[in-house]
Amino acid sequence: MRNCIVIPFVVICALLPVAAWSQLSPDYCTQWGSQGTGQGQFNWPYGVAVDASGNVYVADTYNNRIQKFTSSGVYITRWGSYGDGPGQFESPYGVAVDAPGYVYIADSHNFRIQKFTSNGVYITRWGSCGSAPAQFDWPSGVAVDASGNVYVADTCNHRVQIFCYAQTSVQNTTWGRIKSMFR
């Protein structure tokens, strides 16, 4: 009986800081950008990611580019242009940065993921239009876990695809199911 009283008390005490923290609202810090095509300007900024150094990467969707800033909003660089070639975009939506600093872009209307260095040097791309494994229909979000596995929100295929690095190749796993929009 004594243990039954102690355990709930310990659990309640352990949860108090979490409960108190969940009641706090974040304070407004700053903002940057305006509408346009110049440095630090955006046309439909959609995805945002932050690297280990605090640099901010923004998927500037309708300008078909990625912009990189310091954590305080100072412009560093940009890369990309409209097109379907390596390093070009058609409506980039999602952006993610892995632990070594590589940048992954969900290039939505080109139905692919592109990988770059932190300074915008093109490395590789994968994907095509379709519903088979490693094909996409509007990839809109991308994330990378601590092991370097890449998660892609394959929006119009109603699934998440995971690209896992094996010793010799990239393997694909899928969550969700394909639904026809005509059913």
Protein backbone atom coordinates (compact mmCIF):
# COMPACT_ATOMS: atom_id res chain seq x y z
CA MET A 1 0.00 0.00 0.00
CA ARG A 2 2.80 2.38 0.80
CA ASN A 3 4.36 1.90 -2.67
CA CYS A 4 1.03 2.73 -4.31
CA ILE A 5 1.05 6.16 -2.68
CA VAL A 6 4.70 6.96 -3.45
CA ILE A 7 4.59 6.05 -7.15
CA PRO A 8 1.72 8.38 -8.09
CA PHE A 9 3.32 11.20 -6.09
CA VAL A 10 6.63 10.74 -7.94
CA VAL A 11 4.85 10.63 -11.28
CA ILE A 12 2.89 13.81 -10.49
CA CYS A 13 6.05 15.62 -9.38
CA ALA A 14 7.91 14.52 -12.50
CA LEU A 15 5.10 15.81 -14.74
CA LEU A 16 4.79 19.23 -13.13
CA PRO A 17 7.66 20.84 -15.04
CA VAL A 18 6.28 19.44 -18.32
CA ALA A 19 2.78 20.69 -17.50
CA ALA A 20 4.15 24.12 -16.55
CA TRP A 21 6.23 24.28 -19.74
CA SER A 22 3.24 23.36 -21.93
CA GLN A 23 1.40 26.44 -20.62
CA LEU A 24 4.10 28.86 -21.80
CA SER A 25 3.81 30.72 -25.08
CA PRO A 26 6.91 31.52 -27.12
CA ASP A 27 7.98 35.15 -27.31
CA TYR A 28 8.13 36.88 -30.71
CA CYS A 29 11.77 37.32 -31.73
CA THR A 30 12.13 38.79 -35.20
CA GLN A 31 11.23 38.44 -38.86
CA TRP A 32 12.78 39.13 -42.22
CA GLY A 33 11.83 39.24 -45.86
CA SER A 34 9.26 40.88 -48.09
CA GLN A 35 7.53 40.02 -51.34
CA GLY A 36 9.75 40.04 -54.40
CA THR A 37 12.57 38.37 -56.29
CA GLY A 38 15.62 40.06 -54.76
CA GLN A 39 17.99 38.83 -52.08
CA GLY A 40 16.01 38.14 -48.92
CA GLN A 41 12.70 38.57 -50.70
CA PHE A 42 10.19 35.75 -51.16
CA ASN A 43 7.37 34.63 -53.35
CA TRP A 44 5.46 32.02 -51.36
CA PRO A 45 8.10 30.84 -48.82
CA TYR A 46 6.98 27.36 -47.88
CA GLY A 47 9.60 25.15 -46.25
CA VAL A 48 12.10 26.17 -43.58
CA ALA A 49 14.98 24.21 -42.04
CA VAL A 50 17.82 25.08 -39.68
CA ASP A 51 21.27 23.46 -39.68
CA ALA A 52 23.49 22.69 -36.67
CA SER A 53 25.19 26.11 -36.99
CA GLY A 54 21.87 27.95 -36.87
CA ASN A 55 21.74 28.83 -40.58
CA VAL A 56 18.21 29.00 -41.99
CA TYR A 57 17.23 27.53 -45.37
CA VAL A 58 13.98 28.69 -46.99
CA ALA A 59 12.22 27.03 -49.91
CA ASP A 60 11.21 30.14 -51.86
CA THR A 61 8.58 28.20 -53.81
CA TYR A 62 7.39 30.52 -56.59
CA ASN A 63 10.85 32.02 -57.09
CA ASN A 64 12.04 28.41 -57.66
CA ARG A 65 15.05 28.75 -55.41
CA ILE A 66 16.48 28.11 -51.97
CA GLN A 67 17.74 31.00 -49.86
CA LYS A 68 20.16 30.67 -46.95
CA PHE A 69 20.33 33.11 -44.01
CA THR A 70 22.00 33.45 -40.64
CA SER A 71 19.77 32.86 -37.62
CA SER A 72 19.25 36.64 -37.40
CA GLY A 73 18.12 36.89 -41.03
CA VAL A 74 21.28 38.11 -42.72
CA TYR A 75 21.27 36.89 -46.32
CA ILE A 76 24.08 34.41 -47.15
CA THR A 77 23.34 32.89 -50.56
CA ARG A 78 20.73 31.41 -52.84
CA TRP A 79 20.61 28.71 -55.49
CA GLY A 80 18.26 27.31 -58.08
CA SER A 81 16.19 28.59 -60.98
CA TYR A 82 13.13 27.45 -62.87
CA GLY A 83 13.60 24.20 -64.79
CA ASP A 84 13.99 20.45 -64.58
CA GLY A 85 17.76 20.10 -64.83
CA PRO A 86 20.13 19.31 -61.95
CA GLY A 87 19.92 22.10 -59.40
CA GLN A 88 16.82 23.62 -60.97
CA PHE A 89 13.37 23.61 -59.40
CA GLU A 90 9.71 23.79 -60.18
CA SER A 91 7.97 24.74 -56.94
CA PRO A 92 10.30 23.53 -54.18
CA TYR A 93 8.21 22.97 -51.07
CA GLY A 94 10.09 21.02 -48.41
CA VAL A 95 13.62 21.52 -47.15
CA ALA A 96 15.64 19.54 -44.60
CA VAL A 97 19.24 19.52 -43.41
CA ASP A 98 21.05 16.41 -42.13
CA ALA A 99 23.75 16.25 -39.44
CA PRO A 100 26.70 16.65 -41.87
CA GLY A 101 24.96 19.71 -43.37
CA TYR A 102 23.59 18.36 -46.65
CA VAL A 103 20.38 20.05 -47.79
CA TYR A 104 17.45 18.03 -49.19
CA ILE A 105 14.75 19.70 -51.27
CA ALA A 106 11.29 18.35 -52.13
CA ASP A 107 11.10 19.60 -55.73
CA SER A 108 7.34 19.17 -55.95
CA HIS A 109 6.42 19.78 -59.59
CA ASN A 110 9.52 17.93 -60.81
CA PHE A 111 8.45 14.91 -58.69
CA ARG A 112 11.86 14.42 -57.09
CA ILE A 113 14.19 15.05 -54.18
CA GLN A 114 17.43 16.94 -54.75
CA LYS A 115 20.48 16.93 -52.47
CA PHE A 116 22.96 19.82 -52.16
CA THR A 117 25.89 20.95 -50.05
CA SER A 118 25.14 23.69 -47.54
CA ASN A 119 26.34 26.25 -50.11
CA GLY A 120 24.07 25.02 -52.88
CA VAL A 121 26.39 22.76 -54.84
CA TYR A 122 24.28 20.08 -56.52
CA ILE A 123 25.05 16.49 -55.45
CA THR A 124 22.27 14.19 -56.66
CA ARG A 125 18.57 13.73 -57.24
CA TRP A 126 16.10 10.86 -57.22
CA GLY A 127 12.48 10.23 -58.08
CA SER A 128 10.12 10.57 -60.99
CA CYS A 129 6.39 10.98 -61.49
CA GLY A 130 4.34 7.93 -60.52
CA SER A 131 3.14 5.72 -57.71
CA ALA A 132 5.75 2.95 -57.64
CA PRO A 133 8.42 2.87 -54.93
CA ALA A 134 10.81 5.84 -55.28
CA GLN A 135 8.31 7.66 -57.50
CA PHE A 136 6.38 10.71 -56.31
CA ASP A 137 3.21 12.62 -56.93
CA TRP A 138 3.81 16.05 -55.42
CA PRO A 139 6.50 15.48 -52.77
CA SER A 140 5.85 18.34 -50.38
CA GLY A 141 7.79 17.62 -47.21
CA VAL A 142 11.17 16.13 -46.44
CA ALA A 143 12.93 15.28 -43.16
CA VAL A 144 16.17 13.52 -42.23
CA ASP A 145 16.71 11.50 -39.04
CA ALA A 146 19.91 11.11 -37.01
CA SER A 147 20.90 8.03 -39.07
CA GLY A 148 20.62 9.95 -42.34
CA ASN A 149 17.40 8.27 -43.48
CA VAL A 150 15.29 10.58 -45.65
CA TYR A 151 11.51 10.79 -45.12
CA VAL A 152 9.39 12.21 -47.92
CA ALA A 153 5.73 13.26 -47.67
CA ASP A 154 4.46 11.95 -51.03
CA THR A 155 1.30 14.04 -50.87
CA CYS A 156 -0.89 12.99 -53.81
CA ASN A 157 0.13 9.34 -53.38
CA HIS A 158 -1.13 9.57 -49.76
CA ARG A 159 2.01 8.07 -48.25
CA VAL A 160 5.38 8.70 -46.67
CA GLN A 161 8.40 7.14 -48.34
CA ILE A 162 11.58 6.46 -46.40
CA PHE A 163 14.97 6.19 -48.10
CA CYS A 164 17.35 4.19 -45.90
CA TYR A 165 21.07 4.01 -46.51
CA ALA A 166 22.37 0.43 -46.61
CA GLN A 167 26.10 -0.30 -46.90
CA THR A 168 26.04 -0.36 -50.69
CA SER A 169 22.79 1.28 -51.82
CA VAL A 170 19.76 3.31 -50.92
CA GLN A 171 16.71 1.23 -49.99
CA ASN A 172 13.12 2.44 -50.10
CA THR A 173 10.29 1.83 -47.61
CA THR A 174 6.75 3.17 -47.85
CA TRP A 175 4.08 3.98 -45.25
CA GLY A 176 0.50 4.56 -46.31
CA ARG A 177 -1.33 3.41 -49.39
CA ILE A 178 -2.02 4.65 -52.86
CA LYS A 179 -5.54 5.92 -53.55
CA SER A 180 -6.83 6.72 -56.97
CA MET A 181 -8.36 10.17 -57.19
CA PHE A 182 -11.00 8.69 -59.54
CA ARG A 183 -12.38 6.09 -57.12
